[in-house]
Amino acid sequence: MASAAPALSITKDASSNIVTTGSQLIYLLEIANTGTSAAIDVVVQDTLGPEVDFVAATGDGTSVTDAFNNTLVEWSFPFGPGQTLSLSIITTVVAPLLANWDNSANVQGQGIGPINS
């Protein structure tokens, strides 16, 4: 018999692939626990580059830290088996974005990860 275990996953998308300086860009994060037990001490982290300014984020347990033009948005929460969660980060584009910019986040928990989007 297999033991119960959490299984975390994360995806991250941007609201648009084409943005201009001064426009709003929303990042959408989807987190899931497809496992059969709760994930303990779950933390989702997303570091925003200097091309965007943080405006707001959804979700309880959100903290924001600004360090050297890179803003860290972090959430901490309990996460039960079979649970899914949608989070978003609203930003304003302040500098031209490269054709391919880093658009990743990660999720981790006690004994799990980090797992990148």
N, C-alpha and C. Protein backbone atom coordinates (compact mmCIF):
# COMPACT_ATOMS: atom_id res chain seq x y z
N MET A 1 0.84 -1.18 0.00
CA MET A 1 0.00 0.00 0.00
C MET A 1 0.88 1.24 0.00
N ALA A 2 0.60 2.16 -0.89
CA ALA A 2 1.38 3.39 -0.99
C ALA A 2 1.05 4.33 0.17
N SER A 3 2.07 5.04 0.64
CA SER A 3 1.82 5.98 1.73
C SER A 3 1.25 7.28 1.17
N ALA A 4 0.50 7.98 2.01
CA ALA A 4 -0.08 9.26 1.61
C ALA A 4 1.03 10.30 1.50
N ALA A 5 0.97 11.10 0.44
CA ALA A 5 1.98 12.14 0.24
C ALA A 5 1.38 13.29 -0.56
N PRO A 6 1.84 14.51 -0.28
CA PRO A 6 1.42 15.64 -1.10
C PRO A 6 2.16 15.62 -2.44
N ALA A 7 1.57 16.24 -3.46
CA ALA A 7 2.20 16.37 -4.77
C ALA A 7 1.87 17.76 -5.29
N LEU A 8 2.83 18.68 -5.18
CA LEU A 8 2.60 20.08 -5.56
C LEU A 8 2.99 20.34 -7.01
N SER A 9 2.26 21.25 -7.64
CA SER A 9 2.61 21.71 -8.99
C SER A 9 2.26 23.19 -9.08
N ILE A 10 2.90 23.87 -10.04
CA ILE A 10 2.66 25.30 -10.25
C ILE A 10 2.81 25.63 -11.73
N THR A 11 1.94 26.50 -12.22
CA THR A 11 2.08 27.07 -13.55
C THR A 11 1.98 28.58 -13.43
N LYS A 12 2.60 29.28 -14.37
CA LYS A 12 2.56 30.74 -14.37
C LYS A 12 2.42 31.22 -15.80
N ASP A 13 1.48 32.13 -16.00
CA ASP A 13 1.26 32.73 -17.31
C ASP A 13 1.15 34.24 -17.15
N ALA A 14 1.38 34.94 -18.24
CA ALA A 14 1.19 36.40 -18.27
C ALA A 14 -0.10 36.71 -19.01
N SER A 15 -0.72 37.82 -18.64
CA SER A 15 -1.99 38.19 -19.25
C SER A 15 -1.85 38.57 -20.72
N SER A 16 -0.64 38.86 -21.15
CA SER A 16 -0.41 39.24 -22.54
C SER A 16 1.02 38.89 -22.93
N ASN A 17 1.20 38.54 -24.19
CA ASN A 17 2.55 38.31 -24.71
C ASN A 17 3.14 39.57 -25.31
N ILE A 18 2.31 40.57 -25.54
CA ILE A 18 2.76 41.83 -26.13
C ILE A 18 2.46 42.95 -25.13
N VAL A 19 3.51 43.59 -24.64
CA VAL A 19 3.33 44.67 -23.67
C VAL A 19 4.21 45.85 -24.06
N THR A 20 3.80 47.02 -23.63
CA THR A 20 4.58 48.23 -23.89
C THR A 20 4.83 48.94 -22.56
N THR A 21 5.83 49.77 -22.53
CA THR A 21 6.13 50.54 -21.33
C THR A 21 4.90 51.34 -20.93
N GLY A 22 4.56 51.26 -19.65
CA GLY A 22 3.39 51.96 -19.12
C GLY A 22 2.14 51.11 -19.06
N SER A 23 2.16 49.94 -19.71
CA SER A 23 0.97 49.10 -19.71
C SER A 23 0.94 48.19 -18.48
N GLN A 24 -0.25 47.68 -18.18
CA GLN A 24 -0.43 46.77 -17.06
C GLN A 24 -0.16 45.35 -17.54
N LEU A 25 0.53 44.58 -16.71
CA LEU A 25 0.81 43.17 -17.00
C LEU A 25 0.43 42.38 -15.76
N ILE A 26 -0.42 41.39 -15.93
CA ILE A 26 -0.88 40.57 -14.81
C ILE A 26 -0.30 39.17 -14.97
N TYR A 27 0.35 38.69 -13.92
CA TYR A 27 0.85 37.32 -13.88
C TYR A 27 -0.18 36.46 -13.16
N LEU A 28 -0.49 35.30 -13.73
CA LEU A 28 -1.47 34.38 -13.18
C LEU A 28 -0.76 33.10 -12.76
N LEU A 29 -0.90 32.73 -11.48
CA LEU A 29 -0.27 31.53 -10.95
C LEU A 29 -1.35 30.54 -10.53
N GLU A 30 -1.17 29.27 -10.89
CA GLU A 30 -2.08 28.20 -10.50
C GLU A 30 -1.26 27.16 -9.74
N ILE A 31 -1.67 26.89 -8.51
CA ILE A 31 -0.98 25.93 -7.67
C ILE A 31 -1.94 24.80 -7.36
N ALA A 32 -1.44 23.56 -7.35
CA ALA A 32 -2.29 22.41 -7.06
C ALA A 32 -1.55 21.43 -6.16
N ASN A 33 -2.32 20.75 -5.32
CA ASN A 33 -1.82 19.61 -4.55
C ASN A 33 -2.64 18.41 -4.99
N THR A 34 -2.09 17.64 -5.92
CA THR A 34 -2.80 16.47 -6.44
C THR A 34 -2.51 15.23 -5.61
N GLY A 35 -1.81 15.40 -4.50
CA GLY A 35 -1.48 14.29 -3.63
C GLY A 35 -2.62 13.90 -2.72
N THR A 36 -2.34 12.93 -1.86
CA THR A 36 -3.36 12.37 -0.97
C THR A 36 -3.23 12.85 0.47
N SER A 37 -2.31 13.77 0.73
CA SER A 37 -2.19 14.34 2.08
C SER A 37 -1.86 15.83 1.97
N ALA A 38 -2.02 16.52 3.08
CA ALA A 38 -1.76 17.96 3.12
C ALA A 38 -0.27 18.25 2.94
N ALA A 39 0.03 19.35 2.27
CA ALA A 39 1.40 19.85 2.16
C ALA A 39 1.60 20.84 3.31
N ILE A 40 2.70 20.71 4.03
CA ILE A 40 2.97 21.52 5.22
C ILE A 40 3.94 22.64 4.87
N ASP A 41 3.72 23.82 5.48
CA ASP A 41 4.60 24.98 5.29
C ASP A 41 4.78 25.33 3.81
N VAL A 42 3.68 25.42 3.08
CA VAL A 42 3.74 25.73 1.65
C VAL A 42 4.07 27.21 1.45
N VAL A 43 5.02 27.47 0.55
CA VAL A 43 5.43 28.83 0.20
C VAL A 43 5.51 28.92 -1.32
N VAL A 44 4.88 29.95 -1.89
CA VAL A 44 4.99 30.26 -3.31
C VAL A 44 5.80 31.54 -3.41
N GLN A 45 6.81 31.54 -4.30
CA GLN A 45 7.66 32.72 -4.48
C GLN A 45 7.73 33.09 -5.95
N ASP A 46 7.70 34.40 -6.19
CA ASP A 46 7.84 34.92 -7.55
C ASP A 46 8.69 36.18 -7.47
N THR A 47 9.83 36.17 -8.14
CA THR A 47 10.70 37.35 -8.16
C THR A 47 10.45 38.11 -9.45
N LEU A 48 10.03 39.35 -9.30
CA LEU A 48 9.76 40.22 -10.45
C LEU A 48 11.03 40.95 -10.83
N GLY A 49 11.31 41.04 -12.10
CA GLY A 49 12.50 41.73 -12.57
C GLY A 49 12.34 43.24 -12.55
N PRO A 50 13.40 43.96 -12.85
CA PRO A 50 13.37 45.42 -12.82
C PRO A 50 12.54 46.04 -13.94
N GLU A 51 12.05 45.22 -14.89
CA GLU A 51 11.25 45.74 -16.00
C GLU A 51 9.82 46.08 -15.59
N VAL A 52 9.41 45.59 -14.41
CA VAL A 52 8.04 45.84 -13.95
C VAL A 52 8.03 46.36 -12.53
N ASP A 53 7.03 47.18 -12.22
CA ASP A 53 6.80 47.64 -10.85
C ASP A 53 5.61 46.88 -10.28
N PHE A 54 5.76 46.42 -9.05
CA PHE A 54 4.67 45.73 -8.36
C PHE A 54 3.55 46.71 -8.06
N VAL A 55 2.30 46.31 -8.31
CA VAL A 55 1.13 47.12 -7.99
C VAL A 55 0.32 46.45 -6.89
N ALA A 56 -0.04 45.16 -7.07
CA ALA A 56 -0.87 44.46 -6.09
C ALA A 56 -0.78 42.96 -6.33
N ALA A 57 -1.23 42.19 -5.34
CA ALA A 57 -1.30 40.74 -5.46
C ALA A 57 -2.55 40.24 -4.77
N THR A 58 -3.09 39.14 -5.27
CA THR A 58 -4.25 38.53 -4.63
C THR A 58 -3.79 37.41 -3.71
N GLY A 59 -4.64 37.05 -2.78
CA GLY A 59 -4.37 35.91 -1.91
C GLY A 59 -3.97 36.31 -0.51
N ASP A 60 -4.43 35.50 0.44
CA ASP A 60 -4.05 35.71 1.84
C ASP A 60 -2.61 35.28 2.04
N GLY A 61 -1.98 35.83 3.06
CA GLY A 61 -0.61 35.45 3.41
C GLY A 61 0.44 35.99 2.46
N THR A 62 0.14 37.11 1.79
CA THR A 62 1.06 37.70 0.82
C THR A 62 2.05 38.63 1.51
N SER A 63 3.33 38.50 1.16
CA SER A 63 4.33 39.47 1.60
C SER A 63 5.11 39.92 0.38
N VAL A 64 5.58 41.16 0.41
CA VAL A 64 6.32 41.74 -0.72
C VAL A 64 7.59 42.37 -0.19
N THR A 65 8.73 42.02 -0.81
CA THR A 65 10.02 42.56 -0.42
C THR A 65 10.69 43.13 -1.66
N ASP A 66 11.17 44.36 -1.59
CA ASP A 66 11.87 44.99 -2.71
C ASP A 66 13.36 45.02 -2.39
N ALA A 67 14.15 44.41 -3.27
CA ALA A 67 15.60 44.38 -3.05
C ALA A 67 16.32 44.56 -4.37
N PHE A 68 17.03 45.66 -4.50
CA PHE A 68 17.89 45.90 -5.66
C PHE A 68 17.14 45.74 -6.98
N ASN A 69 16.01 46.40 -7.12
CA ASN A 69 15.21 46.40 -8.35
C ASN A 69 14.59 45.05 -8.69
N ASN A 70 14.60 44.11 -7.79
CA ASN A 70 13.90 42.85 -7.97
C ASN A 70 12.94 42.69 -6.81
N THR A 71 11.67 42.59 -7.10
CA THR A 71 10.66 42.48 -6.06
C THR A 71 10.28 41.03 -5.86
N LEU A 72 10.35 40.55 -4.61
CA LEU A 72 9.95 39.18 -4.27
C LEU A 72 8.54 39.22 -3.72
N VAL A 73 7.64 38.51 -4.39
CA VAL A 73 6.27 38.34 -3.91
C VAL A 73 6.17 36.92 -3.38
N GLU A 74 5.68 36.78 -2.16
CA GLU A 74 5.67 35.48 -1.50
C GLU A 74 4.35 35.26 -0.79
N TRP A 75 3.85 34.04 -0.87
CA TRP A 75 2.64 33.63 -0.16
C TRP A 75 2.97 32.42 0.70
N SER A 76 2.38 32.36 1.89
CA SER A 76 2.50 31.20 2.78
C SER A 76 1.09 30.78 3.18
N PHE A 77 0.80 29.49 3.11
CA PHE A 77 -0.56 29.04 3.41
C PHE A 77 -0.60 27.53 3.63
N PRO A 78 -1.64 27.05 4.32
CA PRO A 78 -1.86 25.61 4.42
C PRO A 78 -2.45 25.11 3.09
N PHE A 79 -2.19 23.86 2.74
CA PHE A 79 -2.63 23.36 1.43
C PHE A 79 -3.01 21.90 1.52
N GLY A 80 -4.31 21.65 1.51
CA GLY A 80 -4.84 20.30 1.68
C GLY A 80 -4.77 19.45 0.43
N PRO A 81 -5.01 18.15 0.59
CA PRO A 81 -5.00 17.25 -0.56
C PRO A 81 -6.13 17.61 -1.53
N GLY A 82 -5.82 17.57 -2.83
CA GLY A 82 -6.81 17.88 -3.84
C GLY A 82 -7.12 19.36 -4.00
N GLN A 83 -6.46 20.21 -3.25
CA GLN A 83 -6.75 21.64 -3.27
C GLN A 83 -6.03 22.32 -4.44
N THR A 84 -6.69 23.33 -5.03
CA THR A 84 -6.07 24.18 -6.04
C THR A 84 -6.23 25.63 -5.59
N LEU A 85 -5.35 26.48 -6.07
CA LEU A 85 -5.37 27.89 -5.69
C LEU A 85 -4.92 28.73 -6.87
N SER A 86 -5.63 29.83 -7.11
CA SER A 86 -5.25 30.79 -8.15
C SER A 86 -4.78 32.07 -7.48
N LEU A 87 -3.62 32.56 -7.90
CA LEU A 87 -3.06 33.80 -7.38
C LEU A 87 -2.73 34.70 -8.57
N SER A 88 -2.69 36.00 -8.33
CA SER A 88 -2.28 36.90 -9.40
C SER A 88 -1.42 38.03 -8.85
N ILE A 89 -0.57 38.54 -9.72
CA ILE A 89 0.28 39.69 -9.41
C ILE A 89 0.04 40.73 -10.49
N ILE A 90 -0.33 41.93 -10.08
CA ILE A 90 -0.56 43.01 -11.01
C ILE A 90 0.69 43.90 -11.02
N THR A 91 1.20 44.18 -12.22
CA THR A 91 2.40 45.00 -12.36
C THR A 91 2.17 46.07 -13.43
N THR A 92 3.06 47.05 -13.44
CA THR A 92 3.13 48.03 -14.51
C THR A 92 4.49 47.90 -15.18
N VAL A 93 4.51 47.82 -16.49
CA VAL A 93 5.76 47.70 -17.24
C VAL A 93 6.45 49.06 -17.24
N VAL A 94 7.71 49.08 -16.75
CA VAL A 94 8.45 50.35 -16.65
C VAL A 94 9.67 50.40 -17.57
N ALA A 95 9.98 49.29 -18.21
CA ALA A 95 11.11 49.24 -19.14
C ALA A 95 10.77 48.23 -20.22
N PRO A 96 11.33 48.39 -21.40
CA PRO A 96 11.05 47.43 -22.47
C PRO A 96 11.41 46.01 -22.04
N LEU A 97 10.53 45.07 -22.35
CA LEU A 97 10.78 43.66 -22.04
C LEU A 97 11.47 43.01 -23.23
N LEU A 98 12.36 42.08 -22.94
CA LEU A 98 13.00 41.32 -24.00
C LEU A 98 11.96 40.41 -24.64
N ALA A 99 12.25 39.92 -25.82
CA ALA A 99 11.32 39.01 -26.50
C ALA A 99 11.02 37.80 -25.63
N ASN A 100 12.04 37.31 -24.92
CA ASN A 100 11.87 36.19 -23.99
C ASN A 100 12.38 36.61 -22.63
N TRP A 101 11.46 36.96 -21.73
CA TRP A 101 11.88 37.36 -20.40
C TRP A 101 11.56 36.25 -19.42
N ASP A 102 12.31 36.21 -18.31
CA ASP A 102 12.10 35.19 -17.29
C ASP A 102 10.73 35.40 -16.65
N ASN A 103 9.91 34.38 -16.72
CA ASN A 103 8.55 34.47 -16.20
C ASN A 103 8.28 33.20 -15.40
N SER A 104 9.02 33.01 -14.31
CA SER A 104 8.86 31.79 -13.53
C SER A 104 8.60 32.09 -12.07
N ALA A 105 7.98 31.13 -11.42
CA ALA A 105 7.72 31.18 -9.98
C ALA A 105 8.01 29.79 -9.44
N ASN A 106 7.99 29.63 -8.12
CA ASN A 106 8.18 28.30 -7.56
C ASN A 106 7.30 28.09 -6.35
N VAL A 107 7.06 26.82 -6.05
CA VAL A 107 6.31 26.42 -4.87
C VAL A 107 7.15 25.37 -4.14
N GLN A 108 7.09 25.43 -2.82
CA GLN A 108 7.79 24.44 -2.01
C GLN A 108 7.04 24.22 -0.71
N GLY A 109 7.31 23.11 -0.10
CA GLY A 109 6.72 22.78 1.19
C GLY A 109 7.69 21.93 1.97
N GLN A 110 7.30 21.57 3.17
CA GLN A 110 8.18 20.76 4.01
C GLN A 110 8.51 19.46 3.29
N GLY A 111 9.80 19.28 2.95
CA GLY A 111 10.26 18.08 2.27
C GLY A 111 9.93 18.04 0.78
N ILE A 112 9.46 19.17 0.21
CA ILE A 112 9.06 19.21 -1.20
C ILE A 112 9.69 20.44 -1.87
N GLY A 113 10.33 20.23 -3.00
CA GLY A 113 10.72 21.35 -3.85
C GLY A 113 12.03 22.01 -3.47
N PRO A 114 12.25 23.17 -4.08
CA PRO A 114 11.28 23.98 -4.83
C PRO A 114 10.96 23.39 -6.20
N ILE A 115 9.72 23.59 -6.63
CA ILE A 115 9.23 23.17 -7.93
C ILE A 115 8.98 24.43 -8.74
N ASN A 116 9.61 24.53 -9.90
CA ASN A 116 9.50 25.73 -10.74
C ASN A 116 8.34 25.62 -11.72
N SER A 117 7.81 26.80 -12.07
CA SER A 117 6.73 26.84 -13.06
C SER A 117 7.31 26.72 -14.46
